[in-house]
PDB file of N, CA and C in Angstrom:
ATOM      1  N   MET A   1     124.106 152.144 146.719  1.00  0.00           N
ATOM      2  CA  MET A   1     123.427 152.245 145.449  1.00  0.00           C
ATOM      3  C   MET A   1     122.804 150.890 145.096  1.00  0.00           C
ATOM      4  N   ARG A   2     121.655 150.955 144.512  1.00  0.00           N
ATOM      5  CA  ARG A   2     121.006 149.741 143.998  1.00  0.00           C
ATOM      6  C   ARG A   2     121.130 149.746 142.481  1.00  0.00           C
ATOM      7  N   ILE A   3     121.322 148.580 141.912  1.00  0.00           N
ATOM      8  CA  ILE A   3     121.477 148.442 140.466  1.00  0.00           C
ATOM      9  C   ILE A   3     120.234 147.771 139.904  1.00  0.00           C
ATOM     10  N   ARG A   4     119.692 148.359 138.854  1.00  0.00           N
ATOM     11  CA  ARG A   4     118.568 147.780 138.121  1.00  0.00           C
ATOM     12  C   ARG A   4     119.026 147.553 136.681  1.00  0.00           C
ATOM     13  N   TYR A   5     118.599 146.445 136.085  1.00  0.00           N
ATOM     14  CA  TYR A   5     119.046 146.077 134.748  1.00  0.00           C
ATOM     15  C   TYR A   5     117.879 146.089 133.769  1.00  0.00           C
ATOM     16  N   THR A   6     118.088 146.715 132.609  1.00  0.00           N
ATOM     17  CA  THR A   6     117.070 146.684 131.567  1.00  0.00           C
ATOM     18  C   THR A   6     117.154 145.343 130.840  1.00  0.00           C
ATOM     19  N   LYS A   7     116.116 145.026 130.087  1.00  0.00           N
ATOM     20  CA  LYS A   7     116.129 143.788 129.301  1.00  0.00           C
ATOM     21  C   LYS A   7     117.244 143.823 128.262  1.00  0.00           C
ATOM     22  N   GLU A   8     117.462 145.005 127.670  1.00  0.00           N
ATOM     23  CA  GLU A   8     118.522 145.148 126.677  1.00  0.00           C
ATOM     24  C   GLU A   8     119.886 144.834 127.299  1.00  0.00           C
ATOM     25  N   PHE A   9     120.126 145.368 128.500  1.00  0.00           N
ATOM     26  CA  PHE A   9     121.383 145.100 129.189  1.00  0.00           C
ATOM     27  C   PHE A   9     121.537 143.602 129.416  1.00  0.00           C
ATOM     28  N   GLN A  10     120.498 142.959 129.892  1.00  0.00           N
ATOM     29  CA  GLN A  10     120.572 141.532 130.192  1.00  0.00           C
ATOM     30  C   GLN A  10     120.880 140.713 128.941  1.00  0.00           C
ATOM     31  N   LEU A  11     120.275 141.077 127.817  1.00  0.00           N
ATOM     32  CA  LEU A  11     120.553 140.367 126.560  1.00  0.00           C
ATOM     33  C   LEU A  11     121.992 140.596 126.104  1.00  0.00           C
ATOM     34  N   GLU A  12     122.440 141.849 126.164  1.00  0.00           N
ATOM     35  CA  GLU A  12     123.805 142.170 125.752  1.00  0.00           C
ATOM     36  C   GLU A  12     124.826 141.485 126.671  1.00  0.00           C
ATOM     37  N   TYR A  13     124.537 141.467 127.965  1.00  0.00           N
ATOM     38  CA  TYR A  13     125.415 140.808 128.937  1.00  0.00           C
ATOM     39  C   TYR A  13     125.544 139.318 128.613  1.00  0.00           C
ATOM     40  N   SER A  14     124.424 138.670 128.330  1.00  0.00           N
ATOM     41  CA  SER A  14     124.447 137.239 127.994  1.00  0.00           C
ATOM     42  C   SER A  14     125.300 136.967 126.768  1.00  0.00           C
ATOM     43  N   LYS A  15     125.182 137.814 125.750  1.00  0.00           N
ATOM     44  CA  LYS A  15     125.965 137.633 124.529  1.00  0.00           C
ATOM     45  C   LYS A  15     127.457 137.829 124.785  1.00  0.00           C
ATOM     46  N   ILE A  16     127.792 138.845 125.570  1.00  0.00           N
ATOM     47  CA  ILE A  16     129.202 139.151 125.835  1.00  0.00           C
ATOM     48  C   ILE A  16     129.878 138.027 126.614  1.00  0.00           C
ATOM     49  N   ILE A  17     129.227 137.552 127.659  1.00  0.00           N
ATOM     50  CA  ILE A  17     129.893 136.521 128.467  1.00  0.00           C
ATOM     51  C   ILE A  17     129.911 135.168 127.772  1.00  0.00           C
ATOM     52  N   LYS A  18     128.997 134.958 126.839  1.00  0.00           N
ATOM     53  CA  LYS A  18     129.007 133.708 126.080  1.00  0.00           C
ATOM     54  C   LYS A  18     130.273 133.619 125.232  1.00  0.00           C
ATOM     55  N   ARG A  19     130.689 134.763 124.688  1.00  0.00           N
ATOM     56  CA  ARG A  19     131.885 134.812 123.861  1.00  0.00           C
ATOM     57  C   ARG A  19     133.174 134.881 124.676  1.00  0.00           C
ATOM     58  N   ASN A  20     133.079 135.368 125.923  1.00  0.00           N
ATOM     59  CA  ASN A  20     134.273 135.580 126.731  1.00  0.00           C
ATOM     60  C   ASN A  20     133.928 135.377 128.206  1.00  0.00           C
ATOM     61  N   LEU A  21     134.041 134.150 128.682  1.00  0.00           N
ATOM     62  CA  LEU A  21     133.655 133.834 130.055  1.00  0.00           C
ATOM     63  C   LEU A  21     134.520 134.555 131.093  1.00  0.00           C
ATOM     64  N   GLY A  22     135.745 134.899 130.760  1.00  0.00           N
ATOM     65  CA  GLY A  22     136.615 135.623 131.682  1.00  0.00           C
ATOM     66  C   GLY A  22     136.123 137.022 131.976  1.00  0.00           C
ATOM     67  N   LEU A  23     135.319 137.546 131.088  1.00  0.00           N
ATOM     68  CA  LEU A  23     134.785 138.892 131.253  1.00  0.00           C
ATOM     69  C   LEU A  23     133.724 138.960 132.354  1.00  0.00           C
ATOM     70  N   ARG A  24     133.079 137.850 132.626  1.00  0.00           N
ATOM     71  CA  ARG A  24     132.019 137.806 133.637  1.00  0.00           C
ATOM     72  C   ARG A  24     132.508 138.327 134.985  1.00  0.00           C
ATOM     73  N   SER A  25     133.666 137.888 135.434  1.00  0.00           N
ATOM     74  CA  SER A  25     134.171 138.317 136.745  1.00  0.00           C
ATOM     75  C   SER A  25     134.536 139.797 136.748  1.00  0.00           C
ATOM     76  N   LYS A  26     135.064 140.309 135.634  1.00  0.00           N
ATOM     77  CA  LYS A  26     135.384 141.736 135.540  1.00  0.00           C
ATOM     78  C   LYS A  26     134.123 142.587 135.635  1.00  0.00           C
ATOM     79  N   ILE A  27     133.081 142.154 134.950  1.00  0.00           N
ATOM     80  CA  ILE A  27     131.817 142.901 134.959  1.00  0.00           C
ATOM     81  C   ILE A  27     131.220 142.891 136.362  1.00  0.00           C
ATOM     82  N   ARG A  28     131.186 141.734 136.987  1.00  0.00           N
ATOM     83  CA  ARG A  28     130.642 141.640 138.352  1.00  0.00           C
ATOM     84  C   ARG A  28     131.425 142.494 139.335  1.00  0.00           C
ATOM     85  N   LYS A  29     132.745 142.517 139.172  1.00  0.00           N
ATOM     86  CA  LYS A  29     133.593 143.315 140.046  1.00  0.00           C
ATOM     87  C   LYS A  29     133.253 144.804 139.921  1.00  0.00           C
ATOM     88  N   GLN A  30     133.079 145.272 138.695  1.00  0.00           N
ATOM     89  CA  GLN A  30     132.764 146.687 138.488  1.00  0.00           C
ATOM     90  C   GLN A  30     131.344 147.019 138.958  1.00  0.00           C
ATOM     91  N   ILE A  31     130.412 146.118 138.799  1.00  0.00           N
ATOM     92  CA  ILE A  31     129.046 146.349 139.280  1.00  0.00           C
ATOM     93  C   ILE A  31     129.044 146.431 140.804  1.00  0.00           C
ATOM     94  N   THR A  32     129.814 145.568 141.449  1.00  0.00           N
ATOM     95  CA  THR A  32     129.933 145.620 142.903  1.00  0.00           C
ATOM     96  C   THR A  32     130.529 146.954 143.341  1.00  0.00           C
ATOM     97  N   ARG A  33     131.537 147.412 142.619  1.00  0.00           N
ATOM     98  CA  ARG A  33     132.132 148.717 142.936  1.00  0.00           C
ATOM     99  C   ARG A  33     131.117 149.844 142.787  1.00  0.00           C
ATOM    100  N   MET A  34     130.277 149.762 141.756  1.00  0.00           N
ATOM    101  CA  MET A  34     129.239 150.788 141.582  1.00  0.00           C
ATOM    102  C   MET A  34     128.312 150.823 142.787  1.00  0.00           C
ATOM    103  N   GLN A  35     127.968 149.648 143.294  1.00  0.00           N
ATOM    104  CA  GLN A  35     127.063 149.574 144.440  1.00  0.00           C
ATOM    105  C   GLN A  35     127.684 150.173 145.689  1.00  0.00           C
ATOM    106  N   VAL A  36     128.973 149.955 145.874  1.00  0.00           N
ATOM    107  CA  VAL A  36     129.658 150.389 147.092  1.00  0.00           C
ATOM    108  C   VAL A  36     130.109 151.843 146.998  1.00  0.00           C
ATOM    109  N   GLN A  37     130.763 152.200 145.887  1.00  0.00           N
ATOM    110  CA  GLN A  37     131.326 153.541 145.730  1.00  0.00           C
ATOM    111  C   GLN A  37     131.261 153.938 144.260  1.00  0.00           C
ATOM    112  N   ILE A  38     130.211 154.652 143.891  1.00  0.00           N
ATOM    113  CA  ILE A  38     129.976 155.005 142.492  1.00  0.00           C
ATOM    114  C   ILE A  38     131.117 155.833 141.896  1.00  0.00           C
ATOM    115  N   ASN A  39     131.865 156.531 142.723  1.00  0.00           N
ATOM    116  CA  ASN A  39     132.963 157.361 142.231  1.00  0.00           C
ATOM    117  C   ASN A  39     134.325 156.674 142.314  1.00  0.00           C
ATOM    118  N   HIS A  40     134.348 155.358 142.444  1.00  0.00           N
ATOM    119  CA  HIS A  40     135.618 154.628 142.520  1.00  0.00           C
ATOM    120  C   HIS A  40     136.422 154.916 141.245  1.00  0.00           C
ATOM    121  N   PRO A  41     137.708 155.243 141.385  1.00  0.00           N
ATOM    122  CA  PRO A  41     138.517 155.621 140.216  1.00  0.00           C
ATOM    123  C   PRO A  41     138.561 154.571 139.095  1.00  0.00           C
ATOM    124  N   SER A  42     138.520 153.294 139.428  1.00  0.00           N
ATOM    125  CA  SER A  42     138.616 152.271 138.381  1.00  0.00           C
ATOM    126  C   SER A  42     137.374 152.224 137.495  1.00  0.00           C
ATOM    127  N   LEU A  43     136.275 152.784 137.940  1.00  0.00           N
ATOM    128  CA  LEU A  43     135.059 152.818 137.124  1.00  0.00           C
ATOM    129  C   LEU A  43     135.181 153.832 135.983  1.00  0.00           C
ATOM    130  N   ARG A  44     136.026 154.830 136.176  1.00  0.00           N
ATOM    131  CA  ARG A  44     136.191 155.914 135.197  1.00  0.00           C
ATOM    132  C   ARG A  44     134.835 156.470 134.773  1.00  0.00           C
ATOM    133  N   LEU A  45     133.995 156.687 135.764  1.00  0.00           N
ATOM    134  CA  LEU A  45     132.636 157.187 135.547  1.00  0.00           C
ATOM    135  C   LEU A  45     132.689 158.593 134.961  1.00  0.00           C
ATOM    136  N   HIS A  46     131.963 158.799 133.873  1.00  0.00           N
ATOM    137  CA  HIS A  46     131.831 160.144 133.318  1.00  0.00           C
ATOM    138  C   HIS A  46     130.511 160.265 132.568  1.00  0.00           C
ATOM    139  N   LYS A  47     129.984 161.479 132.586  1.00  0.00           N
ATOM    140  CA  LYS A  47     128.708 161.742 131.928  1.00  0.00           C
ATOM    141  C   LYS A  47     128.958 161.961 130.441  1.00  0.00           C
ATOM    142  N   LEU A  48     128.092 161.381 129.628  1.00  0.00           N
ATOM    143  CA  LEU A  48     128.201 161.566 128.188  1.00  0.00           C
ATOM    144  C   LEU A  48     127.532 162.880 127.800  1.00  0.00           C
ATOM    145  N   SER A  49     128.103 163.550 126.856  1.00  0.00           N
ATOM    146  CA  SER A  49     127.583 164.863 126.483  1.00  0.00           C
ATOM    147  C   SER A  49     126.202 164.767 125.846  1.00  0.00           C
ATOM    148  N   GLY A  50     125.390 165.747 126.181  1.00  0.00           N
ATOM    149  CA  GLY A  50     124.080 165.878 125.556  1.00  0.00           C
ATOM    150  C   GLY A  50     123.055 164.824 125.927  1.00  0.00           C
ATOM    151  N   GLY A  51     123.179 164.220 127.080  1.00  0.00           N
ATOM    152  CA  GLY A  51     122.200 163.197 127.411  1.00  0.00           C
ATOM    153  C   GLY A  51     122.167 162.865 128.880  1.00  0.00           C
ATOM    154  N   LYS A  52     121.421 161.816 129.180  1.00  0.00           N
ATOM    155  CA  LYS A  52     121.234 161.387 130.563  1.00  0.00           C
ATOM    156  C   LYS A  52     122.169 160.248 130.950  1.00  0.00           C
ATOM    157  N   TYR A  53     122.900 159.706 129.979  1.00  0.00           N
ATOM    158  CA  TYR A  53     123.722 158.525 130.220  1.00  0.00           C
ATOM    159  C   TYR A  53     125.090 158.862 130.810  1.00  0.00           C
ATOM    160  N   TRP A  54     125.562 157.926 131.622  1.00  0.00           N
ATOM    161  CA  TRP A  54     126.909 157.948 132.174  1.00  0.00           C
ATOM    162  C   TRP A  54     127.602 156.695 131.673  1.00  0.00           C
ATOM    163  N   SER A  55     128.915 156.748 131.551  1.00  0.00           N
ATOM    164  CA  SER A  55     129.699 155.598 131.104  1.00  0.00           C
ATOM    165  C   SER A  55     130.532 155.066 132.256  1.00  0.00           C
ATOM    166  N   VAL A  56     130.576 153.736 132.365  1.00  0.00           N
ATOM    167  CA  VAL A  56     131.395 153.049 133.350  1.00  0.00           C
ATOM    168  C   VAL A  56     132.293 152.077 132.579  1.00  0.00           C
ATOM    169  N   SER A  57     133.586 152.082 132.884  1.00  0.00           N
ATOM    170  CA  SER A  57     134.532 151.194 132.202  1.00  0.00           C
ATOM    171  C   SER A  57     134.637 149.861 132.936  1.00  0.00           C
ATOM    172  N   VAL A  58     134.550 148.781 132.169  1.00  0.00           N
ATOM    173  CA  VAL A  58     134.811 147.445 132.700  1.00  0.00           C
ATOM    174  C   VAL A  58     136.279 147.111 132.455  1.00  0.00           C
ATOM    175  N   ASP A  59     136.732 147.360 131.243  1.00  0.00           N
ATOM    176  CA  ASP A  59     138.148 147.232 130.886  1.00  0.00           C
ATOM    177  C   ASP A  59     138.421 148.227 129.764  1.00  0.00           C
ATOM    178  N   LYS A  60     139.511 148.029 129.040  1.00  0.00           N
ATOM    179  CA  LYS A  60     139.873 149.014 128.013  1.00  0.00           C
ATOM    180  C   LYS A  60     138.849 149.128 126.889  1.00  0.00           C
ATOM    181  N   SER A  61     138.105 148.076 126.625  1.00  0.00           N
ATOM    182  CA  SER A  61     137.166 148.140 125.501  1.00  0.00           C
ATOM    183  C   SER A  61     135.695 148.001 125.877  1.00  0.00           C
ATOM    184  N   ILE A  62     135.369 147.479 127.043  1.00  0.00           N
ATOM    185  CA  ILE A  62     133.977 147.228 127.421  1.00  0.00           C
ATOM    186  C   ILE A  62     133.456 148.348 128.307  1.00  0.00           C
ATOM    187  N   ARG A  63     132.257 148.857 127.956  1.00  0.00           N
ATOM    188  CA  ARG A  63     131.618 149.926 128.711  1.00  0.00           C
ATOM    189  C   ARG A  63     130.205 149.519 129.115  1.00  0.00           C
ATOM    190  N   ILE A  64     129.763 150.088 130.236  1.00  0.00           N
ATOM    191  CA  ILE A  64     128.379 149.954 130.674  1.00  0.00           C
ATOM    192  C   ILE A  64     127.790 151.354 130.652  1.00  0.00           C
ATOM    193  N   LEU A  65     126.653 151.521 129.981  1.00  0.00           N
ATOM    194  CA  LEU A  65     125.955 152.799 129.996  1.00  0.00           C
ATOM    195  C   LEU A  65     124.872 152.740 131.058  1.00  0.00           C
ATOM    196  N   VAL A  66     124.879 153.735 131.937  1.00  0.00           N
ATOM    197  CA  VAL A  66     123.944 153.761 133.056  1.00  0.00           C
ATOM    198  C   VAL A  66     123.261 155.121 133.137  1.00  0.00           C
ATOM    199  N   VAL A  67     122.141 155.127 133.848  1.00  0.00           N
ATOM    200  CA  VAL A  67     121.455 156.357 134.236  1.00  0.00           C
ATOM    201  C   VAL A  67     121.382 156.331 135.752  1.00  0.00           C
ATOM    202  N   ILE A  68     121.771 157.420 136.375  1.00  0.00           N
ATOM    203  CA  ILE A  68     121.775 157.507 137.834  1.00  0.00           C
ATOM    204  C   ILE A  68     120.607 158.385 138.270  1.00  0.00           C
ATOM    205  N   GLU A  69     119.728 157.797 139.070  1.00  0.00           N
ATOM    206  CA  GLU A  69     118.577 158.520 139.605  1.00  0.00           C
ATOM    207  C   GLU A  69     118.551 158.310 141.109  1.00  0.00           C
ATOM    208  N   GLY A  70     119.068 159.289 141.839  1.00  0.00           N
ATOM    209  CA  GLY A  70     119.124 159.175 143.288  1.00  0.00           C
ATOM    210  C   GLY A  70     120.028 158.033 143.699  1.00  0.00           C
ATOM    211  N   GLU A  71     119.476 157.077 144.442  1.00  0.00           N
ATOM    212  CA  GLU A  71     120.238 155.928 144.925  1.00  0.00           C
ATOM    213  C   GLU A  71     120.118 154.700 144.020  1.00  0.00           C
ATOM    214  N   ILE A  72     119.536 154.884 142.837  1.00  0.00           N
ATOM    215  CA  ILE A  72     119.359 153.758 141.909  1.00  0.00           C
ATOM    216  C   ILE A  72     120.166 154.014 140.640  1.00  0.00           C
ATOM    217  N   VAL A  73     120.900 152.993 140.219  1.00  0.00           N
ATOM    218  CA  VAL A  73     121.649 153.044 138.965  1.00  0.00           C
ATOM    219  C   VAL A  73     120.966 152.073 138.011  1.00  0.00           C
ATOM    220  N   TYR A  74     120.508 152.587 136.883  1.00  0.00           N
ATOM    221  CA  TYR A  74     119.879 151.755 135.856  1.00  0.00           C
ATOM    222  C   TYR A  74     120.923 151.427 134.797  1.00  0.00           C
ATOM    223  N   ALA A  75     121.224 150.143 134.622  1.00  0.00           N
ATOM    224  CA  ALA A  75     122.169 149.694 133.611  1.00  0.00           C
ATOM    225  C   ALA A  75     121.402 149.459 132.315  1.00  0.00           C
ATOM    226  N   TYR A  76     121.713 150.251 131.281  1.00  0.00           N
ATOM    227  CA  TYR A  76     120.977 150.188 130.024  1.00  0.00           C
ATOM    228  C   TYR A  76     121.667 149.353 128.949  1.00  0.00           C
ATOM    229  N   HIS A  77     122.971 149.535 128.799  1.00  0.00           N
ATOM    230  CA  HIS A  77     123.687 148.827 127.741  1.00  0.00           C
ATOM    231  C   HIS A  77     125.057 148.402 128.227  1.00  0.00           C
ATOM    232  N   ILE A  78     125.574 147.352 127.613  1.00  0.00           N
ATOM    233  CA  ILE A  78     126.947 146.905 127.857  1.00  0.00           C
ATOM    234  C   ILE A  78     127.503 146.402 126.548  1.00  0.00           C
ATOM    235  N   GLY A  79     128.763 146.744 126.283  1.00  0.00           N
ATOM    236  CA  GLY A  79     129.382 146.275 125.058  1.00  0.00           C
ATOM    237  C   GLY A  79     130.679 147.010 124.783  1.00  0.00           C
ATOM    238  N   LYS A  80     131.215 146.764 123.614  1.00  0.00           N
ATOM    239  CA  LYS A  80     132.428 147.452 123.211  1.00  0.00           C
ATOM    240  C   LYS A  80     132.134 148.935 123.063  1.00  0.00           C
ATOM    241  N   HIS A  81     133.166 149.712 123.271  1.00  0.00           N
ATOM    242  CA  HIS A  81     133.072 151.166 123.220  1.00  0.00           C
ATOM    243  C   HIS A  81     132.315 151.640 121.983  1.00  0.00           C
ATOM    244  N   GLU A  82     132.704 151.154 120.817  1.00  0.00           N
ATOM    245  CA  GLU A  82     132.092 151.614 119.573  1.00  0.00           C
ATOM    246  C   GLU A  82     130.650 151.136 119.404  1.00  0.00           C
ATOM    247  N   ASP A  83     130.260 150.084 120.104  1.00  0.00           N
ATOM    248  CA  ASP A  83     128.906 149.551 119.975  1.00  0.00           C
ATOM    249  C   ASP A  83     127.882 150.255 120.872  1.00  0.00           C
ATOM    250  N   VAL A  84     128.304 150.695 122.034  1.00  0.00           N
ATOM    251  CA  VAL A  84     127.337 151.275 122.978  1.00  0.00           C
ATOM    252  C   VAL A  84     127.207 152.780 122.855  1.00  0.00           C
ATOM    253  N   TYR A  85     128.159 153.454 122.208  1.00  0.00           N
ATOM    254  CA  TYR A  85     128.066 154.919 122.086  1.00  0.00           C
ATOM    255  C   TYR A  85     127.282 155.318 120.876  1.00  0.00           C
TER     256      TYR A  85
END
């Protein structure tokens, strides 16, 4: 899988890691897992109801919203559960 990042994702990512540098490695680890095995259990990948978005868990509170189109995963948003849904 190839990962593409929206501008919104990049801005949100910058803000999140600025506040919590330890989160950077967790996010990178999960993105690498998406590239290798999109159905890896630790990603807790699930489709959100009524839309095109899928949710990927970074940890208990941080989520990445993605759209999967063939072999490309578009990362749209990243943030706390309540902020990205």
